């Protein structure tokens, strides 16, 4: 079922998410008469990586890279690198490895995970687990962490909540 939920008087379009195996992609493209299906994972990559770490699906850096290489995002990047701002097929893996590295570094900096540069092991900390459970974006979690380090008045706290994603 695909529909437009929410506020019909204000919304003019909706988003359909189809989860399927790669072997069924052609079937859905034909039925829906789409030119091309594209992955929407990249804008939420930080949240996805954080969740996989929090669930202990990924326990080290290579696990994260291997996990991302099994996604539809990787398949689409390999088939159409320019759609994702990548020069060519040969640069896809380096692009994703860099994105993963930046994410782990960011999560570590905000003490959401513990990352050992020597062993490449990653351990989720309480914040990572709670952010994942609560479906809070990593950017919102960073704002909360930053604001908790300083005295925040009620107005500022409420503004921060209003800007949450």
N, C-alpha and C. Protein backbone atom coordinates (compact mmCIF):
# COMPACT_ATOMS: atom_id res chain seq x y z
N UNK A 1 0.85 -1.16 0.00
CA UNK A 1 0.00 0.00 0.00
C UNK A 1 0.90 1.23 0.00
N UNK A 2 0.64 2.13 -0.90
CA UNK A 2 1.38 3.38 -0.97
C UNK A 2 0.37 4.51 -0.90
N UNK A 3 0.67 5.47 -0.05
CA UNK A 3 -0.26 6.59 0.07
C UNK A 3 0.45 7.81 0.60
N UNK A 4 -0.34 8.84 0.78
CA UNK A 4 0.19 10.10 1.29
C UNK A 4 -0.49 10.34 2.63
N UNK A 5 0.25 10.08 3.68
CA UNK A 5 -0.30 10.26 5.02
C UNK A 5 0.03 11.66 5.52
N UNK A 6 -0.57 12.03 6.59
CA UNK A 6 -0.23 13.31 7.20
C UNK A 6 -1.26 14.37 6.95
N UNK A 7 -0.84 15.45 6.32
CA UNK A 7 -1.71 16.61 6.16
C UNK A 7 -2.02 16.81 4.68
N UNK A 8 -3.07 16.17 4.17
CA UNK A 8 -3.35 16.24 2.73
C UNK A 8 -3.58 17.66 2.22
N UNK A 9 -4.05 18.55 3.09
CA UNK A 9 -4.27 19.92 2.63
C UNK A 9 -2.96 20.67 2.40
N UNK A 10 -1.85 20.17 2.95
CA UNK A 10 -0.56 20.84 2.80
C UNK A 10 0.43 20.06 1.94
N UNK A 11 0.30 18.75 1.90
CA UNK A 11 1.28 17.92 1.19
C UNK A 11 0.79 17.63 -0.23
N UNK A 12 1.70 17.72 -1.17
CA UNK A 12 1.35 17.47 -2.57
C UNK A 12 2.02 16.21 -3.12
N UNK A 13 2.89 15.61 -2.33
CA UNK A 13 3.56 14.40 -2.78
C UNK A 13 3.91 13.51 -1.60
N UNK A 14 4.24 12.29 -1.89
CA UNK A 14 4.61 11.33 -0.84
C UNK A 14 5.81 10.53 -1.30
N UNK A 15 6.30 9.68 -0.41
CA UNK A 15 7.45 8.84 -0.70
C UNK A 15 7.05 7.39 -0.49
N UNK A 16 7.37 6.56 -1.44
CA UNK A 16 7.14 5.13 -1.32
C UNK A 16 8.48 4.46 -1.10
N UNK A 17 8.54 3.56 -0.16
CA UNK A 17 9.76 2.81 0.11
C UNK A 17 9.47 1.35 -0.23
N UNK A 18 10.23 0.83 -1.15
CA UNK A 18 10.08 -0.57 -1.54
C UNK A 18 11.33 -1.31 -1.11
N UNK A 19 11.15 -2.31 -0.29
CA UNK A 19 12.29 -3.11 0.16
C UNK A 19 12.18 -4.48 -0.51
N UNK A 20 13.21 -4.81 -1.27
CA UNK A 20 13.18 -6.06 -2.00
C UNK A 20 14.60 -6.54 -2.25
N UNK A 21 14.73 -7.73 -2.76
CA UNK A 21 16.04 -8.23 -3.14
C UNK A 21 16.42 -7.62 -4.48
N UNK A 22 17.70 -7.58 -4.75
CA UNK A 22 18.16 -6.99 -6.00
C UNK A 22 17.56 -7.70 -7.21
N UNK A 23 17.34 -9.00 -7.08
CA UNK A 23 16.80 -9.76 -8.21
C UNK A 23 15.37 -9.34 -8.55
N UNK A 24 14.65 -8.70 -7.64
CA UNK A 24 13.28 -8.27 -7.91
C UNK A 24 13.16 -6.81 -8.34
N UNK A 25 14.26 -6.10 -8.40
CA UNK A 25 14.22 -4.67 -8.73
C UNK A 25 13.57 -4.46 -10.10
N UNK A 26 13.95 -5.25 -11.08
CA UNK A 26 13.40 -5.08 -12.44
C UNK A 26 11.87 -5.23 -12.44
N UNK A 27 11.39 -6.15 -11.65
CA UNK A 27 9.93 -6.37 -11.56
C UNK A 27 9.22 -5.11 -11.09
N UNK A 28 9.73 -4.49 -10.03
CA UNK A 28 9.08 -3.29 -9.51
C UNK A 28 9.26 -2.10 -10.45
N UNK A 29 10.39 -2.02 -11.09
CA UNK A 29 10.59 -0.93 -12.05
C UNK A 29 9.57 -1.04 -13.17
N UNK A 30 9.33 -2.24 -13.64
CA UNK A 30 8.35 -2.45 -14.71
C UNK A 30 6.93 -2.13 -14.28
N UNK A 31 6.56 -2.59 -13.10
CA UNK A 31 5.21 -2.35 -12.60
C UNK A 31 4.95 -0.89 -12.30
N UNK A 32 5.95 -0.21 -11.80
CA UNK A 32 5.77 1.19 -11.40
C UNK A 32 6.18 2.17 -12.49
N UNK A 33 6.69 1.63 -13.60
CA UNK A 33 7.12 2.46 -14.72
C UNK A 33 8.08 3.57 -14.29
N UNK A 34 9.06 3.16 -13.52
CA UNK A 34 10.09 4.09 -13.06
C UNK A 34 11.28 4.02 -13.99
N UNK A 35 11.91 5.15 -14.22
CA UNK A 35 13.12 5.12 -15.02
C UNK A 35 14.24 4.45 -14.25
N UNK A 36 14.41 4.85 -12.98
CA UNK A 36 15.47 4.27 -12.17
C UNK A 36 15.14 4.41 -10.69
N UNK A 37 15.34 3.35 -9.95
CA UNK A 37 15.21 3.42 -8.50
C UNK A 37 16.56 3.81 -7.93
N UNK A 38 16.58 4.73 -6.99
CA UNK A 38 17.82 5.14 -6.35
C UNK A 38 17.73 4.91 -4.85
N UNK A 39 18.84 4.65 -4.25
CA UNK A 39 18.91 4.46 -2.81
C UNK A 39 18.77 5.80 -2.09
N UNK A 40 18.12 5.76 -0.95
CA UNK A 40 17.98 6.96 -0.12
C UNK A 40 18.76 6.80 1.18
N UNK A 41 19.69 5.87 1.21
CA UNK A 41 20.45 5.59 2.43
C UNK A 41 21.50 6.65 2.75
N UNK A 42 22.11 7.23 1.73
CA UNK A 42 23.23 8.14 1.97
C UNK A 42 22.91 9.29 2.94
N UNK A 43 21.77 9.98 2.80
CA UNK A 43 21.49 11.07 3.75
C UNK A 43 21.32 10.59 5.21
N UNK A 44 20.99 9.32 5.41
CA UNK A 44 20.83 8.77 6.76
C UNK A 44 21.93 7.78 7.11
N UNK A 45 23.06 7.88 6.44
CA UNK A 45 24.13 6.90 6.65
C UNK A 45 24.64 6.91 8.09
N UNK A 46 24.76 8.09 8.70
CA UNK A 46 25.23 8.16 10.09
C UNK A 46 24.29 7.40 11.03
N UNK A 47 23.00 7.59 10.85
CA UNK A 47 22.03 6.90 11.71
C UNK A 47 22.09 5.39 11.47
N UNK A 48 22.23 5.01 10.23
CA UNK A 48 22.30 3.58 9.89
C UNK A 48 23.54 2.93 10.52
N UNK A 49 24.68 3.59 10.39
CA UNK A 49 25.92 3.05 10.96
C UNK A 49 25.82 3.01 12.48
N UNK A 50 25.30 4.09 13.08
CA UNK A 50 25.15 4.10 14.54
C UNK A 50 24.27 2.94 15.01
N UNK A 51 23.18 2.70 14.32
CA UNK A 51 22.28 1.61 14.72
C UNK A 51 22.95 0.26 14.59
N UNK A 52 23.68 0.05 13.51
CA UNK A 52 24.37 -1.24 13.34
C UNK A 52 25.43 -1.44 14.42
N UNK A 53 26.07 -0.36 14.85
CA UNK A 53 27.04 -0.46 15.95
C UNK A 53 26.30 -0.74 17.26
N UNK A 54 25.21 0.01 17.51
CA UNK A 54 24.44 -0.16 18.75
C UNK A 54 23.88 -1.57 18.87
N UNK A 55 23.47 -2.16 17.75
CA UNK A 55 22.93 -3.52 17.75
C UNK A 55 24.02 -4.58 17.79
N UNK A 56 25.27 -4.13 17.68
CA UNK A 56 26.44 -5.01 17.65
C UNK A 56 26.49 -5.87 16.39
N UNK A 57 25.81 -5.43 15.34
CA UNK A 57 25.91 -6.09 14.04
C UNK A 57 27.30 -5.84 13.47
N UNK A 58 27.80 -4.63 13.71
CA UNK A 58 29.14 -4.24 13.28
C UNK A 58 29.98 -4.00 14.52
N UNK A 59 31.06 -4.76 14.65
CA UNK A 59 31.91 -4.66 15.84
C UNK A 59 33.27 -4.05 15.56
N UNK A 60 33.58 -3.86 14.27
CA UNK A 60 34.83 -3.21 13.92
C UNK A 60 34.63 -2.44 12.61
N UNK A 61 35.65 -1.67 12.25
CA UNK A 61 35.50 -0.79 11.08
C UNK A 61 35.25 -1.59 9.81
N UNK A 62 35.94 -2.70 9.63
CA UNK A 62 35.75 -3.49 8.42
C UNK A 62 34.33 -4.05 8.33
N UNK A 63 33.74 -4.40 9.48
CA UNK A 63 32.34 -4.86 9.48
C UNK A 63 31.42 -3.79 8.89
N UNK A 64 31.68 -2.54 9.25
CA UNK A 64 30.84 -1.44 8.75
C UNK A 64 30.97 -1.31 7.24
N UNK A 65 32.20 -1.29 6.76
CA UNK A 65 32.43 -1.17 5.32
C UNK A 65 31.80 -2.35 4.58
N UNK A 66 32.00 -3.56 5.09
CA UNK A 66 31.42 -4.75 4.46
C UNK A 66 29.90 -4.69 4.46
N UNK A 67 29.33 -4.21 5.55
CA UNK A 67 27.86 -4.09 5.65
C UNK A 67 27.34 -3.11 4.60
N UNK A 68 27.96 -1.97 4.48
CA UNK A 68 27.51 -0.95 3.52
C UNK A 68 27.66 -1.48 2.09
N UNK A 69 28.68 -2.28 1.85
CA UNK A 69 28.89 -2.85 0.51
C UNK A 69 27.84 -3.90 0.14
N UNK A 70 27.00 -4.30 1.10
CA UNK A 70 25.91 -5.25 0.82
C UNK A 70 24.56 -4.53 0.65
N UNK A 71 24.58 -3.21 0.61
CA UNK A 71 23.33 -2.46 0.51
C UNK A 71 23.01 -2.09 -0.94
N UNK A 72 21.76 -1.71 -1.15
CA UNK A 72 21.33 -1.22 -2.46
C UNK A 72 22.08 0.07 -2.82
N UNK A 73 22.45 0.86 -1.81
CA UNK A 73 23.23 2.07 -2.04
C UNK A 73 24.51 1.72 -2.80
N UNK A 74 25.22 0.71 -2.34
CA UNK A 74 26.47 0.32 -2.99
C UNK A 74 26.21 -0.15 -4.43
N UNK A 75 25.15 -0.94 -4.61
CA UNK A 75 24.80 -1.42 -5.95
C UNK A 75 24.54 -0.25 -6.88
N UNK A 76 23.76 0.73 -6.43
CA UNK A 76 23.44 1.89 -7.26
C UNK A 76 24.67 2.76 -7.51
N UNK A 77 25.52 2.90 -6.49
CA UNK A 77 26.74 3.69 -6.69
C UNK A 77 27.65 3.04 -7.73
N UNK A 78 27.73 1.73 -7.71
CA UNK A 78 28.56 1.03 -8.69
C UNK A 78 27.97 1.16 -10.10
N UNK A 79 26.65 1.17 -10.21
CA UNK A 79 26.00 1.28 -11.53
C UNK A 79 25.92 2.71 -12.04
N UNK A 80 25.86 3.67 -11.13
CA UNK A 80 25.69 5.07 -11.53
C UNK A 80 26.42 6.01 -10.57
N UNK A 81 27.75 5.97 -10.55
CA UNK A 81 28.51 6.76 -9.58
C UNK A 81 28.22 8.27 -9.67
N UNK A 82 28.01 8.79 -10.87
CA UNK A 82 27.81 10.24 -11.03
C UNK A 82 26.54 10.72 -10.34
N UNK A 83 25.54 9.85 -10.22
CA UNK A 83 24.29 10.22 -9.52
C UNK A 83 24.58 10.60 -8.08
N UNK A 84 25.63 10.02 -7.51
CA UNK A 84 25.98 10.24 -6.11
C UNK A 84 27.20 11.16 -5.96
N UNK A 85 27.56 11.84 -7.05
CA UNK A 85 28.66 12.79 -7.00
C UNK A 85 30.04 12.14 -6.98
N UNK A 86 30.12 10.92 -7.51
CA UNK A 86 31.39 10.19 -7.53
C UNK A 86 31.87 10.13 -8.98
N UNK A 87 33.17 10.34 -9.19
CA UNK A 87 33.71 10.43 -10.55
C UNK A 87 33.52 9.16 -11.37
N UNK A 88 33.90 8.01 -10.78
CA UNK A 88 33.81 6.76 -11.54
C UNK A 88 33.68 5.58 -10.58
N UNK A 89 33.45 4.42 -11.18
CA UNK A 89 33.26 3.18 -10.43
C UNK A 89 34.42 2.87 -9.48
N UNK A 90 35.63 3.17 -9.94
CA UNK A 90 36.83 2.86 -9.15
C UNK A 90 36.91 3.68 -7.86
N UNK A 91 36.17 4.77 -7.79
CA UNK A 91 36.21 5.65 -6.61
C UNK A 91 35.11 5.35 -5.59
N UNK A 92 34.18 4.47 -5.92
CA UNK A 92 33.03 4.22 -5.05
C UNK A 92 33.45 3.68 -3.68
N UNK A 93 34.28 2.66 -3.68
CA UNK A 93 34.68 2.04 -2.42
C UNK A 93 35.42 3.04 -1.52
N UNK A 94 36.30 3.84 -2.10
CA UNK A 94 37.03 4.85 -1.33
C UNK A 94 36.06 5.90 -0.78
N UNK A 95 35.09 6.30 -1.58
CA UNK A 95 34.08 7.27 -1.14
C UNK A 95 33.32 6.74 0.07
N UNK A 96 32.86 5.49 -0.01
CA UNK A 96 32.10 4.91 1.10
C UNK A 96 32.98 4.67 2.32
N UNK A 97 34.21 4.24 2.11
CA UNK A 97 35.14 4.04 3.23
C UNK A 97 35.38 5.36 3.95
N UNK A 98 35.53 6.43 3.19
CA UNK A 98 35.72 7.76 3.79
C UNK A 98 34.49 8.18 4.58
N UNK A 99 33.30 7.98 4.02
CA UNK A 99 32.06 8.32 4.73
C UNK A 99 31.95 7.51 6.03
N UNK A 100 32.28 6.24 5.98
CA UNK A 100 32.23 5.40 7.18
C UNK A 100 33.24 5.88 8.22
N UNK A 101 34.43 6.21 7.77
CA UNK A 101 35.49 6.70 8.67
C UNK A 101 35.07 8.01 9.33
N UNK A 102 34.52 8.94 8.55
CA UNK A 102 34.05 10.21 9.10
C UNK A 102 32.96 9.99 10.15
N UNK A 103 32.06 9.05 9.87
CA UNK A 103 30.97 8.77 10.79
C UNK A 103 31.49 8.19 12.09
N UNK A 104 32.37 7.20 12.02
CA UNK A 104 32.93 6.58 13.23
C UNK A 104 33.71 7.62 14.03
N UNK A 105 34.45 8.45 13.35
CA UNK A 105 35.21 9.51 14.02
C UNK A 105 34.26 10.47 14.74
N UNK A 106 33.19 10.86 14.08
CA UNK A 106 32.19 11.76 14.66
C UNK A 106 31.52 11.11 15.89
N UNK A 107 31.12 9.86 15.75
CA UNK A 107 30.48 9.15 16.87
C UNK A 107 31.45 9.01 18.04
N UNK A 108 32.70 8.77 17.75
CA UNK A 108 33.72 8.64 18.79
C UNK A 108 33.97 9.99 19.46
N UNK A 109 34.06 11.04 18.67
CA UNK A 109 34.29 12.38 19.22
C UNK A 109 33.20 12.77 20.21
N UNK A 110 31.96 12.41 19.91
CA UNK A 110 30.84 12.74 20.78
C UNK A 110 30.58 11.66 21.84
N UNK A 111 31.53 10.77 21.99
CA UNK A 111 31.49 9.70 23.00
C UNK A 111 30.21 8.86 22.91
N UNK A 112 29.81 8.62 21.67
CA UNK A 112 28.68 7.71 21.43
C UNK A 112 29.19 6.28 21.26
N UNK A 113 30.43 6.17 20.76
CA UNK A 113 31.08 4.87 20.62
C UNK A 113 32.52 5.00 21.10
N UNK A 114 33.11 3.86 21.42
CA UNK A 114 34.53 3.82 21.74
C UNK A 114 35.20 3.11 20.56
N UNK A 115 36.15 3.79 19.94
CA UNK A 115 36.84 3.25 18.77
C UNK A 115 38.32 3.13 19.06
N UNK A 116 38.86 1.95 18.86
CA UNK A 116 40.29 1.71 19.03
C UNK A 116 40.96 1.78 17.66
N UNK A 117 41.80 2.79 17.47
CA UNK A 117 42.48 2.95 16.19
C UNK A 117 43.41 1.78 15.89
N UNK A 118 43.95 1.18 16.95
CA UNK A 118 44.88 0.05 16.75
C UNK A 118 44.15 -1.20 16.27
N UNK A 119 43.14 -1.61 17.02
CA UNK A 119 42.45 -2.86 16.69
C UNK A 119 41.26 -2.65 15.76
N UNK A 120 40.88 -1.39 15.55
CA UNK A 120 39.72 -1.02 14.72
C UNK A 120 38.40 -1.51 15.32
N UNK A 121 38.43 -1.91 16.61
CA UNK A 121 37.22 -2.37 17.29
C UNK A 121 36.34 -1.16 17.67
N UNK A 122 35.02 -1.37 17.60
CA UNK A 122 34.07 -0.31 17.93
C UNK A 122 33.08 -0.86 18.95
N UNK A 123 32.93 -0.12 20.04
CA UNK A 123 32.01 -0.53 21.10
C UNK A 123 30.97 0.58 21.27
N UNK A 124 29.68 0.22 21.22
CA UNK A 124 28.66 1.25 21.42
C UNK A 124 28.60 1.65 22.89
N UNK A 125 28.45 2.94 23.13
CA UNK A 125 28.26 3.43 24.49
C UNK A 125 26.77 3.74 24.68
N UNK A 126 26.39 4.07 25.89
CA UNK A 126 24.97 4.25 26.22
C UNK A 126 24.28 5.23 25.29
N UNK A 127 24.94 6.34 24.97
CA UNK A 127 24.31 7.34 24.11
C UNK A 127 23.98 6.76 22.73
N UNK A 128 24.89 6.01 22.17
CA UNK A 128 24.67 5.39 20.86
C UNK A 128 23.43 4.48 20.90
N UNK A 129 23.35 3.68 21.92
CA UNK A 129 22.23 2.74 22.05
C UNK A 129 20.91 3.49 22.21
N UNK A 130 20.90 4.51 23.05
CA UNK A 130 19.65 5.27 23.28
C UNK A 130 19.24 6.08 22.05
N UNK A 131 20.20 6.65 21.35
CA UNK A 131 19.91 7.39 20.13
C UNK A 131 19.28 6.45 19.11
N UNK A 132 19.82 5.26 18.98
CA UNK A 132 19.28 4.28 18.05
C UNK A 132 17.87 3.84 18.45
N UNK A 133 17.68 3.52 19.71
CA UNK A 133 16.36 3.08 20.21
C UNK A 133 15.30 4.15 20.03
N UNK A 134 15.70 5.41 20.20
CA UNK A 134 14.75 6.52 20.19
C UNK A 134 14.57 7.14 18.80
N UNK A 135 15.25 6.60 17.81
CA UNK A 135 15.18 7.13 16.44
C UNK A 135 15.52 8.61 16.38
N UNK A 136 16.54 9.00 17.12
CA UNK A 136 17.01 10.38 17.12
C UNK A 136 18.15 10.46 16.11
N UNK A 137 18.19 11.52 15.34
CA UNK A 137 19.29 11.67 14.38
C UNK A 137 20.59 11.92 15.14
N UNK A 138 21.69 11.57 14.50
CA UNK A 138 23.00 11.80 15.10
C UNK A 138 23.22 13.30 15.31
N UNK A 139 22.77 14.11 14.37
CA UNK A 139 22.95 15.56 14.50
C UNK A 139 22.19 16.10 15.71
N UNK A 140 20.98 15.61 15.96
CA UNK A 140 20.22 16.04 17.14
C UNK A 140 20.92 15.58 18.41
N UNK A 141 21.43 14.35 18.40
CA UNK A 141 22.15 13.85 19.57
C UNK A 141 23.37 14.73 19.86
N UNK A 142 24.07 15.15 18.81
CA UNK A 142 25.24 16.02 19.00
C UNK A 142 24.81 17.36 19.61
N UNK A 143 23.68 17.90 19.16
CA UNK A 143 23.19 19.17 19.74
C UNK A 143 22.86 18.99 21.22
N UNK A 144 22.23 17.87 21.56
CA UNK A 144 21.88 17.60 22.95
C UNK A 144 23.15 17.48 23.79
N UNK A 145 24.13 16.74 23.27
CA UNK A 145 25.39 16.56 23.99
C UNK A 145 26.08 17.91 24.18
N UNK A 146 26.13 18.71 23.13
CA UNK A 146 26.75 20.04 23.22
C UNK A 146 26.04 20.92 24.24
N UNK A 147 24.70 20.89 24.24
CA UNK A 147 23.96 21.75 25.16
C UNK A 147 24.06 21.27 26.60
N UNK A 148 24.26 19.96 26.80
CA UNK A 148 24.37 19.45 28.16
C UNK A 148 25.69 19.85 28.81
N UNK A 149 26.66 20.26 27.99
CA UNK A 149 27.95 20.68 28.52
C UNK A 149 27.92 22.12 29.04
N UNK A 150 26.83 22.80 28.79
CA UNK A 150 26.70 24.19 29.23
C UNK A 150 25.33 24.41 29.86
N UNK A 151 25.21 25.43 30.65
CA UNK A 151 23.92 25.75 31.25
C UNK A 151 23.00 26.26 30.16
N UNK A 152 21.87 25.60 30.00
CA UNK A 152 20.92 25.98 28.96
C UNK A 152 19.62 26.39 29.62
N UNK A 153 19.12 27.54 29.22
CA UNK A 153 17.84 27.99 29.77
C UNK A 153 16.71 27.21 29.10
N UNK A 154 15.55 27.24 29.69
CA UNK A 154 14.41 26.49 29.19
C UNK A 154 14.10 26.87 27.74
N UNK A 155 14.14 28.16 27.42
CA UNK A 155 13.84 28.61 26.06
C UNK A 155 14.81 27.98 25.06
N UNK A 156 16.10 27.99 25.37
CA UNK A 156 17.10 27.40 24.47
C UNK A 156 16.89 25.90 24.32
N UNK A 157 16.55 25.24 25.43
CA UNK A 157 16.31 23.81 25.38
C UNK A 157 15.09 23.49 24.49
N UNK A 158 14.04 24.27 24.63
CA UNK A 158 12.84 24.05 23.82
C UNK A 158 13.13 24.34 22.34
N UNK A 159 13.93 25.35 22.07
CA UNK A 159 14.31 25.64 20.67
C UNK A 159 15.10 24.47 20.10
N UNK A 160 15.99 23.90 20.89
CA UNK A 160 16.76 22.76 20.43
C UNK A 160 15.84 21.59 20.11
N UNK A 161 14.86 21.34 20.95
CA UNK A 161 13.91 20.26 20.69
C UNK A 161 13.11 20.51 19.43
N UNK A 162 12.73 21.76 19.20
CA UNK A 162 11.97 22.10 18.00
C UNK A 162 12.79 21.88 16.73
N UNK A 163 14.10 21.98 16.82
CA UNK A 163 14.96 21.80 15.65
C UNK A 163 15.41 20.36 15.49
N UNK A 164 14.95 19.48 16.36
CA UNK A 164 15.36 18.08 16.33
C UNK A 164 14.91 17.41 15.03
N UNK A 165 15.75 16.49 14.58
CA UNK A 165 15.42 15.71 13.39
C UNK A 165 15.50 14.24 13.69
